[in-house]
PDB file of N, CA and C in Angstrom:
ATOM      1  N   MET A   1     140.361  39.920  73.286  1.00  0.00           N
ATOM      2  CA  MET A   1     139.414  39.029  73.898  1.00  0.00           C
ATOM      3  C   MET A   1     139.113  37.923  72.905  1.00  0.00           C
ATOM      4  N   SER A   2     139.163  36.689  73.384  1.00  0.00           N
ATOM      5  CA  SER A   2     138.939  35.553  72.505  1.00  0.00           C
ATOM      6  C   SER A   2     137.499  35.090  72.595  1.00  0.00           C
ATOM      7  N   THR A   3     137.104  34.219  71.669  1.00  0.00           N
ATOM      8  CA  THR A   3     135.744  33.687  71.707  1.00  0.00           C
ATOM      9  C   THR A   3     135.545  32.785  72.908  1.00  0.00           C
ATOM     10  N   ASP A   4     136.629  32.148  73.399  1.00  0.00           N
ATOM     11  CA  ASP A   4     136.507  31.337  74.612  1.00  0.00           C
ATOM     12  C   ASP A   4     136.160  32.208  75.820  1.00  0.00           C
ATOM     13  N   ASP A   5     136.764  33.415  75.844  1.00  0.00           N
ATOM     14  CA  ASP A   5     136.443  34.335  76.933  1.00  0.00           C
ATOM     15  C   ASP A   5     134.974  34.742  76.896  1.00  0.00           C
ATOM     16  N   LEU A   6     134.441  34.955  75.686  1.00  0.00           N
ATOM     17  CA  LEU A   6     133.041  35.343  75.563  1.00  0.00           C
ATOM     18  C   LEU A   6     132.110  34.226  76.022  1.00  0.00           C
ATOM     19  N   ARG A   7     132.447  32.987  75.634  1.00  0.00           N
ATOM     20  CA  ARG A   7     131.604  31.852  76.019  1.00  0.00           C
ATOM     21  C   ARG A   7     131.621  31.638  77.529  1.00  0.00           C
ATOM     22  N   SER A   8     132.810  31.744  78.129  1.00  0.00           N
ATOM     23  CA  SER A   8     132.905  31.465  79.560  1.00  0.00           C
ATOM     24  C   SER A   8     132.527  32.662  80.417  1.00  0.00           C
ATOM     25  N   GLY A   9     132.460  33.839  79.805  1.00  0.00           N
ATOM     26  CA  GLY A   9     132.078  35.027  80.547  1.00  0.00           C
ATOM     27  C   GLY A   9     133.170  35.502  81.486  1.00  0.00           C
ATOM     28  N   THR A  10     134.430  35.280  81.135  1.00  0.00           N
ATOM     29  CA  THR A  10     135.508  35.642  82.039  1.00  0.00           C
ATOM     30  C   THR A  10     136.027  37.051  81.818  1.00  0.00           C
ATOM     31  N   LYS A  11     135.572  37.753  80.810  1.00  0.00           N
ATOM     32  CA  LYS A  11     136.039  39.118  80.615  1.00  0.00           C
ATOM     33  C   LYS A  11     135.519  39.993  81.746  1.00  0.00           C
ATOM     34  N   LYS A  12     136.412  40.698  82.380  1.00  0.00           N
ATOM     35  CA  LYS A  12     136.063  41.582  83.488  1.00  0.00           C
ATOM     36  C   LYS A  12     135.631  42.931  82.938  1.00  0.00           C
ATOM     37  N   THR A  13     134.637  43.517  83.609  1.00  0.00           N
ATOM     38  CA  THR A  13     134.163  44.839  83.205  1.00  0.00           C
ATOM     39  C   THR A  13     134.277  45.782  84.381  1.00  0.00           C
ATOM     40  N   ALA A  14     133.950  47.035  84.145  1.00  0.00           N
ATOM     41  CA  ALA A  14     134.030  48.052  85.194  1.00  0.00           C
ATOM     42  C   ALA A  14     132.756  48.097  86.026  1.00  0.00           C
ATOM     43  N   THR A  15     131.842  47.135  85.807  1.00  0.00           N
ATOM     44  CA  THR A  15     130.572  47.180  86.526  1.00  0.00           C
ATOM     45  C   THR A  15     130.693  46.753  87.968  1.00  0.00           C
ATOM     46  N   GLY A  16     131.692  46.021  88.313  1.00  0.00           N
ATOM     47  CA  GLY A  16     131.824  45.565  89.684  1.00  0.00           C
ATOM     48  C   GLY A  16     133.238  45.111  89.941  1.00  0.00           C
ATOM     49  N   ALA A  17     133.550  44.824  91.182  1.00  0.00           N
ATOM     50  CA  ALA A  17     134.904  44.398  91.538  1.00  0.00           C
ATOM     51  C   ALA A  17     135.085  42.958  91.085  1.00  0.00           C
ATOM     52  N   GLY A  18     135.556  42.765  89.852  1.00  0.00           N
ATOM     53  CA  GLY A  18     135.829  41.434  89.353  1.00  0.00           C
ATOM     54  C   GLY A  18     134.593  40.715  88.848  1.00  0.00           C
ATOM     55  N   ALA A  19     133.456  41.383  88.702  1.00  0.00           N
ATOM     56  CA  ALA A  19     132.240  40.732  88.234  1.00  0.00           C
ATOM     57  C   ALA A  19     132.161  40.821  86.730  1.00  0.00           C
ATOM     58  N   THR A  20     131.704  39.753  86.111  1.00  0.00           N
ATOM     59  CA  THR A  20     131.504  39.780  84.668  1.00  0.00           C
ATOM     60  C   THR A  20     130.169  40.436  84.386  1.00  0.00           C
ATOM     61  N   ARG A  21     129.955  40.804  83.136  1.00  0.00           N
ATOM     62  CA  ARG A  21     128.722  41.491  82.775  1.00  0.00           C
ATOM     63  C   ARG A  21     127.488  40.643  83.115  1.00  0.00           C
ATOM     64  N   PRO A  22     127.432  39.355  82.779  1.00  0.00           N
ATOM     65  CA  PRO A  22     126.241  38.580  83.177  1.00  0.00           C
ATOM     66  C   PRO A  22     126.059  38.523  84.692  1.00  0.00           C
ATOM     67  N   GLU A  23     127.151  38.443  85.438  1.00  0.00           N
ATOM     68  CA  GLU A  23     127.042  38.436  86.899  1.00  0.00           C
ATOM     69  C   GLU A  23     126.510  39.763  87.415  1.00  0.00           C
ATOM     70  N   ALA A  24     126.979  40.848  86.803  1.00  0.00           N
ATOM     71  CA  ALA A  24     126.523  42.177  87.221  1.00  0.00           C
ATOM     72  C   ALA A  24     125.042  42.346  86.909  1.00  0.00           C
ATOM     73  N   GLU A  25     124.599  41.875  85.760  1.00  0.00           N
ATOM     74  CA  GLU A  25     123.179  41.964  85.416  1.00  0.00           C
ATOM     75  C   GLU A  25     122.343  41.100  86.355  1.00  0.00           C
ATOM     76  N   GLU A  26     122.868  39.938  86.697  1.00  0.00           N
ATOM     77  CA  GLU A  26     122.169  39.055  87.631  1.00  0.00           C
ATOM     78  C   GLU A  26     122.056  39.716  89.010  1.00  0.00           C
ATOM     79  N   MET A  27     123.138  40.370  89.439  1.00  0.00           N
ATOM     80  CA  MET A  27     123.093  41.063  90.732  1.00  0.00           C
ATOM     81  C   MET A  27     122.105  42.221  90.679  1.00  0.00           C
ATOM     82  N   ALA A  28     122.065  42.946  89.577  1.00  0.00           N
ATOM     83  CA  ALA A  28     121.122  44.061  89.442  1.00  0.00           C
ATOM     84  C   ALA A  28     119.692  43.545  89.488  1.00  0.00           C
ATOM     85  N   ASP A  29     119.426  42.414  88.832  1.00  0.00           N
ATOM     86  CA  ASP A  29     118.089  41.815  88.889  1.00  0.00           C
ATOM     87  C   ASP A  29     117.748  41.387  90.311  1.00  0.00           C
ATOM     88  N   HIS A  30     118.738  40.843  91.000  1.00  0.00           N
ATOM     89  CA  HIS A  30     118.531  40.402  92.384  1.00  0.00           C
ATOM     90  C   HIS A  30     118.216  41.599  93.284  1.00  0.00           C
ATOM     91  N   VAL A  31     118.935  42.685  93.105  1.00  0.00           N
ATOM     92  CA  VAL A  31     118.696  43.905  93.889  1.00  0.00           C
ATOM     93  C   VAL A  31     117.294  44.439  93.598  1.00  0.00           C
ATOM     94  N   ALA A  32     116.888  44.420  92.332  1.00  0.00           N
ATOM     95  CA  ALA A  32     115.543  44.889  91.980  1.00  0.00           C
ATOM     96  C   ALA A  32     114.487  43.997  92.628  1.00  0.00           C
ATOM     97  N   SER A  33     114.732  42.706  92.653  1.00  0.00           N
ATOM     98  CA  SER A  33     113.812  41.768  93.285  1.00  0.00           C
ATOM     99  C   SER A  33     113.705  42.043  94.793  1.00  0.00           C
ATOM    100  N   ILE A  34     114.839  42.289  95.418  1.00  0.00           N
ATOM    101  CA  ILE A  34     114.844  42.600  96.851  1.00  0.00           C
ATOM    102  C   ILE A  34     114.075  43.889  97.117  1.00  0.00           C
ATOM    103  N   ARG A  35     114.254  44.887  96.264  1.00  0.00           N
ATOM    104  CA  ARG A  35     113.514  46.153  96.440  1.00  0.00           C
ATOM    105  C   ARG A  35     112.014  45.923  96.350  1.00  0.00           C
ATOM    106  N   GLU A  36     111.578  45.085  95.410  1.00  0.00           N
ATOM    107  CA  GLU A  36     110.152  44.785  95.282  1.00  0.00           C
ATOM    108  C   GLU A  36     109.633  44.082  96.533  1.00  0.00           C
ATOM    109  N   GLU A  37     110.414  43.153  97.060  1.00  0.00           N
ATOM    110  CA  GLU A  37     110.013  42.449  98.278  1.00  0.00           C
ATOM    111  C   GLU A  37     109.926  43.403  99.460  1.00  0.00           C
ATOM    112  N   ILE A  38     110.861  44.340  99.552  1.00  0.00           N
ATOM    113  CA  ILE A  38     110.842  45.321 100.640  1.00  0.00           C
ATOM    114  C   ILE A  38     109.600  46.196 100.530  1.00  0.00           C
ATOM    115  N   GLU A  39     109.250  46.614  99.324  1.00  0.00           N
ATOM    116  CA  GLU A  39     108.037  47.425  99.135  1.00  0.00           C
ATOM    117  C   GLU A  39     106.795  46.641  99.551  1.00  0.00           C
ATOM    118  N   SER A  40     106.764  45.362  99.191  1.00  0.00           N
ATOM    119  CA  SER A  40     105.643  44.511  99.572  1.00  0.00           C
ATOM    120  C   SER A  40     105.565  44.373 101.091  1.00  0.00           C
ATOM    121  N   LEU A  41     106.708  44.163 101.736  1.00  0.00           N
ATOM    122  CA  LEU A  41     106.740  44.069 103.197  1.00  0.00           C
ATOM    123  C   LEU A  41     106.302  45.373 103.843  1.00  0.00           C
ATOM    124  N   LYS A  42     106.729  46.482 103.273  1.00  0.00           N
ATOM    125  CA  LYS A  42     106.351  47.786 103.817  1.00  0.00           C
ATOM    126  C   LYS A  42     104.838  47.964 103.766  1.00  0.00           C
ATOM    127  N   THR A  43     104.234  47.567 102.663  1.00  0.00           N
ATOM    128  CA  THR A  43     102.788  47.663 102.528  1.00  0.00           C
ATOM    129  C   THR A  43     102.089  46.771 103.546  1.00  0.00           C
ATOM    130  N   THR A  44     102.592  45.551 103.704  1.00  0.00           N
ATOM    131  CA  THR A  44     102.000  44.613 104.658  1.00  0.00           C
ATOM    132  C   THR A  44     102.105  45.134 106.079  1.00  0.00           C
ATOM    133  N   VAL A  45     103.278  45.624 106.455  1.00  0.00           N
ATOM    134  CA  VAL A  45     103.479  46.146 107.811  1.00  0.00           C
ATOM    135  C   VAL A  45     102.597  47.368 108.053  1.00  0.00           C
ATOM    136  N   THR A  46     102.454  48.215 107.055  1.00  0.00           N
ATOM    137  CA  THR A  46     101.596  49.393 107.181  1.00  0.00           C
ATOM    138  C   THR A  46     100.151  48.979 107.423  1.00  0.00           C
ATOM    139  N   ASN A  47      99.687  47.989 106.668  1.00  0.00           N
ATOM    140  CA  ASN A  47      98.312  47.514 106.847  1.00  0.00           C
ATOM    141  C   ASN A  47      98.101  46.925 108.239  1.00  0.00           C
ATOM    142  N   ILE A  48      99.055  46.131 108.699  1.00  0.00           N
ATOM    143  CA  ILE A  48      98.949  45.537 110.030  1.00  0.00           C
ATOM    144  C   ILE A  48      98.948  46.620 111.101  1.00  0.00           C
ATOM    145  N   ALA A  49      99.829  47.596 110.964  1.00  0.00           N
ATOM    146  CA  ALA A  49      99.916  48.685 111.946  1.00  0.00           C
ATOM    147  C   ALA A  49      98.614  49.487 111.981  1.00  0.00           C
ATOM    148  N   ASN A  50      98.031  49.737 110.821  1.00  0.00           N
ATOM    149  CA  ASN A  50      96.766  50.484 110.780  1.00  0.00           C
ATOM    150  C   ASN A  50      95.642  49.709 111.460  1.00  0.00           C
ATOM    151  N   ARG A  51      95.593  48.388 111.239  1.00  0.00           N
ATOM    152  CA  ARG A  51      94.572  47.576 111.904  1.00  0.00           C
ATOM    153  C   ARG A  51      94.771  47.585 113.417  1.00  0.00           C
ATOM    154  N   GLN A  52      96.014  47.468 113.856  1.00  0.00           N
ATOM    155  CA  GLN A  52      96.302  47.463 115.292  1.00  0.00           C
ATOM    156  C   GLN A  52      95.952  48.816 115.907  1.00  0.00           C
ATOM    157  N   MET A  53      96.233  49.884 115.184  1.00  0.00           N
ATOM    158  CA  MET A  53      95.890  51.227 115.666  1.00  0.00           C
ATOM    159  C   MET A  53      94.386  51.357 115.832  1.00  0.00           C
ATOM    160  N   GLY A  54      93.639  50.851 114.880  1.00  0.00           N
ATOM    161  CA  GLY A  54      92.175  50.879 114.980  1.00  0.00           C
ATOM    162  C   GLY A  54      91.678  50.089 116.175  1.00  0.00           C
ATOM    163  N   ARG A  55      92.273  48.919 116.393  1.00  0.00           N
ATOM    164  CA  ARG A  55      91.881  48.103 117.549  1.00  0.00           C
ATOM    165  C   ARG A  55      92.194  48.823 118.854  1.00  0.00           C
ATOM    166  N   ALA A  56      93.357  49.453 118.932  1.00  0.00           N
ATOM    167  CA  ALA A  56      93.747  50.173 120.149  1.00  0.00           C
ATOM    168  C   ALA A  56      92.792  51.341 120.407  1.00  0.00           C
ATOM    169  N   GLN A  57      92.424  52.054 119.345  1.00  0.00           N
ATOM    170  CA  GLN A  57      91.488  53.161 119.512  1.00  0.00           C
ATOM    171  C   GLN A  57      90.124  52.659 119.979  1.00  0.00           C
ATOM    172  N   ASP A  58      89.677  51.554 119.399  1.00  0.00           N
ATOM    173  CA  ASP A  58      88.396  50.980 119.824  1.00  0.00           C
ATOM    174  C   ASP A  58      88.437  50.578 121.296  1.00  0.00           C
ATOM    175  N   LYS A  59      89.526  49.947 121.708  1.00  0.00           N
ATOM    176  CA  LYS A  59      89.665  49.515 123.105  1.00  0.00           C
ATOM    177  C   LYS A  59      89.704  50.728 124.040  1.00  0.00           C
ATOM    178  N   ALA A  60      90.398  51.783 123.640  1.00  0.00           N
ATOM    179  CA  ALA A  60      90.466  52.989 124.466  1.00  0.00           C
ATOM    180  C   ALA A  60      89.082  53.624 124.610  1.00  0.00           C
ATOM    181  N   MET A  61      88.336  53.672 123.530  1.00  0.00           N
ATOM    182  CA  MET A  61      86.990  54.241 123.588  1.00  0.00           C
ATOM    183  C   MET A  61      86.079  53.385 124.475  1.00  0.00           C
ATOM    184  N   GLU A  62      86.211  52.080 124.371  1.00  0.00           N
ATOM    185  CA  GLU A  62      85.409  51.174 125.201  1.00  0.00           C
ATOM    186  C   GLU A  62      85.739  51.345 126.684  1.00  0.00           C
ATOM    187  N   THR A  63      87.035  51.461 126.990  1.00  0.00           N
ATOM    188  CA  THR A  63      87.463  51.638 128.372  1.00  0.00           C
ATOM    189  C   THR A  63      86.968  52.972 128.927  1.00  0.00           C
ATOM    190  N   ALA A  64      87.035  54.027 128.115  1.00  0.00           N
ATOM    191  CA  ALA A  64      86.549  55.336 128.554  1.00  0.00           C
ATOM    192  C   ALA A  64      85.042  55.288 128.815  1.00  0.00           C
ATOM    193  N   TYR A  65      84.324  54.593 127.959  1.00  0.00           N
ATOM    194  CA  TYR A  65      82.876  54.467 128.158  1.00  0.00           C
ATOM    195  C   TYR A  65      82.574  53.719 129.453  1.00  0.00           C
ATOM    196  N   GLU A  66      83.317  52.616 129.683  1.00  0.00           N
ATOM    197  CA  GLU A  66      83.108  51.844 130.920  1.00  0.00           C
ATOM    198  C   GLU A  66      83.436  52.676 132.156  1.00  0.00           C
ATOM    199  N   ALA A  67      84.500  53.477 132.097  1.00  0.00           N
ATOM    200  CA  ALA A  67      84.858  54.333 133.229  1.00  0.00           C
ATOM    201  C   ALA A  67      83.769  55.368 133.482  1.00  0.00           C
ATOM    202  N   GLU A  68      83.231  55.923 132.416  1.00  0.00           N
ATOM    203  CA  GLU A  68      82.159  56.918 132.546  1.00  0.00           C
ATOM    204  C   GLU A  68      80.918  56.292 133.184  1.00  0.00           C
ATOM    205  N   GLU A  69      80.591  55.090 132.760  1.00  0.00           N
ATOM    206  CA  GLU A  69      79.432  54.388 133.347  1.00  0.00           C
ATOM    207  C   GLU A  69      79.653  54.107 134.826  1.00  0.00           C
ATOM    208  N   HIS A  70      80.872  53.710 135.191  1.00  0.00           N
ATOM    209  CA  HIS A  70      81.188  53.437 136.596  1.00  0.00           C
ATOM    210  C   HIS A  70      81.065  54.718 137.426  1.00  0.00           C
ATOM    211  N   ILE A  71      81.527  55.820 136.877  1.00  0.00           N
ATOM    212  CA  ILE A  71      81.435  57.104 137.590  1.00  0.00           C
ATOM    213  C   ILE A  71      79.974  57.490 137.799  1.00  0.00           C
ATOM    214  N   ARG A  72      79.145  57.278 136.795  1.00  0.00           N
ATOM    215  CA  ARG A  72      77.716  57.611 136.924  1.00  0.00           C
ATOM    216  C   ARG A  72      77.023  56.750 137.988  1.00  0.00           C
ATOM    217  N   LYS A  73      77.430  55.481 138.066  1.00  0.00           N
ATOM    218  CA  LYS A  73      76.794  54.567 139.017  1.00  0.00           C
ATOM    219  C   LYS A  73      77.310  54.756 140.440  1.00  0.00           C
ATOM    220  N   ASN A  74      78.574  55.163 140.604  1.00  0.00           N
ATOM    221  CA  ASN A  74      79.204  55.313 141.924  1.00  0.00           C
ATOM    222  C   ASN A  74      79.921  56.659 142.031  1.00  0.00           C
ATOM    223  N   PRO A  75      79.184  57.756 142.094  1.00  0.00           N
ATOM    224  CA  PRO A  75      79.833  59.068 142.083  1.00  0.00           C
ATOM    225  C   PRO A  75      80.699  59.338 143.322  1.00  0.00           C
ATOM    226  N   LEU A  76      80.252  58.960 144.499  1.00  0.00           N
ATOM    227  CA  LEU A  76      81.038  59.235 145.706  1.00  0.00           C
ATOM    228  C   LEU A  76      82.336  58.434 145.710  1.00  0.00           C
ATOM    229  N   GLN A  77      82.250  57.185 145.348  1.00  0.00           N
ATOM    230  CA  GLN A  77      83.451  56.351 145.290  1.00  0.00           C
ATOM    231  C   GLN A  77      84.422  56.921 144.249  1.00  0.00           C
ATOM    232  N   SER A  78      83.904  57.379 143.134  1.00  0.00           N
ATOM    233  CA  SER A  78      84.746  57.934 142.076  1.00  0.00           C
ATOM    234  C   SER A  78      85.461  59.206 142.534  1.00  0.00           C
ATOM    235  N   VAL A  79      84.739  60.072 143.259  1.00  0.00           N
ATOM    236  CA  VAL A  79      85.344  61.300 143.782  1.00  0.00           C
ATOM    237  C   VAL A  79      86.432  60.946 144.791  1.00  0.00           C
ATOM    238  N   ALA A  80      86.184  59.968 145.642  1.00  0.00           N
ATOM    239  CA  ALA A  80      87.181  59.563 146.641  1.00  0.00           C
ATOM    240  C   ALA A  80      88.434  59.004 145.958  1.00  0.00           C
ATOM    241  N   ILE A  81      88.244  58.195 144.936  1.00  0.00           N
ATOM    242  CA  ILE A  81      89.400  57.653 144.198  1.00  0.00           C
ATOM    243  C   ILE A  81      90.167  58.774 143.518  1.00  0.00           C
ATOM    244  N   ALA A  82      89.453  59.704 142.889  1.00  0.00           N
ATOM    245  CA  ALA A  82      90.122  60.822 142.210  1.00  0.00           C
ATOM    246  C   ALA A  82      90.904  61.680 143.205  1.00  0.00           C
ATOM    247  N   ALA A  83      90.317  61.924 144.381  1.00  0.00           N
ATOM    248  CA  ALA A  83      91.011  62.713 145.400  1.00  0.00           C
ATOM    249  C   ALA A  83      92.266  61.980 145.884  1.00  0.00           C
ATOM    250  N   GLY A  84      92.150  60.689 146.109  1.00  0.00           N
ATOM    251  CA  GLY A  84      93.308  59.908 146.542  1.00  0.00           C
ATOM    252  C   GLY A  84      94.418  59.904 145.499  1.00  0.00           C
ATOM    253  N   LEU A  85      94.050  59.727 144.252  1.00  0.00           N
ATOM    254  CA  LEU A  85      95.061  59.757 143.189  1.00  0.00           C
ATOM    255  C   LEU A  85      95.699  61.139 143.065  1.00  0.00           C
ATOM    256  N   GLY A  86      94.895  62.174 143.201  1.00  0.00           N
ATOM    257  CA  GLY A  86      95.435  63.532 143.153  1.00  0.00           C
ATOM    258  C   GLY A  86      96.413  63.791 144.287  1.00  0.00           C
ATOM    259  N   PHE A  87      96.072  63.289 145.468  1.00  0.00           N
ATOM    260  CA  PHE A  87      96.942  63.439 146.633  1.00  0.00           C
ATOM    261  C   PHE A  87      98.276  62.719 146.391  1.00  0.00           C
ATOM    262  N   LEU A  88      98.210  61.468 145.922  1.00  0.00           N
ATOM    263  CA  LEU A  88      99.435  60.711 145.634  1.00  0.00           C
ATOM    264  C   LEU A  88     100.262  61.378 144.535  1.00  0.00           C
ATOM    265  N   PHE A  89      99.601  61.869 143.525  1.00  0.00           N
ATOM    266  CA  PHE A  89     100.308  62.557 142.444  1.00  0.00           C
ATOM    267  C   PHE A  89     101.029  63.791 142.986  1.00  0.00           C
ATOM    268  N   GLY A  90     100.362  64.519 143.847  1.00  0.00           N
ATOM    269  CA  GLY A  90     100.973  65.700 144.462  1.00  0.00           C
ATOM    270  C   GLY A  90     102.189  65.359 145.295  1.00  0.00           C
ATOM    271  N   ILE A  91     102.113  64.276 146.032  1.00  0.00           N
ATOM    272  CA  ILE A  91     103.258  63.850 146.862  1.00  0.00           C
ATOM    273  C   ILE A  91     104.445  63.463 145.982  1.00  0.00           C
ATOM    274  N   PHE A  92     104.190  62.673 144.952  1.00  0.00           N
ATOM    275  CA  PHE A  92     105.290  62.186 144.094  1.00  0.00           C
ATOM    276  C   PHE A  92     105.905  63.280 143.232  1.00  0.00           C
ATOM    277  N   THR A  93     105.139  64.308 142.864  1.00  0.00           N
ATOM    278  CA  THR A  93     105.706  65.370 142.034  1.00  0.00           C
ATOM    279  C   THR A  93     106.494  66.393 142.851  1.00  0.00           C
ATOM    280  N   ARG A  94     106.340  66.407 144.158  1.00  0.00           N
ATOM    281  CA  ARG A  94     107.093  67.356 144.987  1.00  0.00           C
ATOM    282  C   ARG A  94     108.546  66.903 145.128  1.00  0.00           C
ATOM    283  N   ARG A  95     108.809  65.635 145.010  1.00  0.00           N
ATOM    284  CA  ARG A  95     110.159  65.106 145.249  1.00  0.00           C
ATOM    285  C   ARG A  95     111.047  65.310 144.097  1.00  0.00           C
TER     286      ARG A  95
END
């Protein structure tokens, strides 16, 4: 190996298919950088998903409360709706 080869970085190593040592180190740094970005994205997505889950739970609780209030205010109508839905459910599950 000559000094010109060292300066130009043309000596091939076993680190990659035709990659020189500086290129291989640069690729390793790039891969490490990508891994850090993926971890950051994973954390961000997890935080967003947790917030959305909380919102969905809040909305479900609010809807259940509203349904309960409607049932208390209109018990006969609620029983009629429940009976109708039960009847339809029974018809569709027989097929």
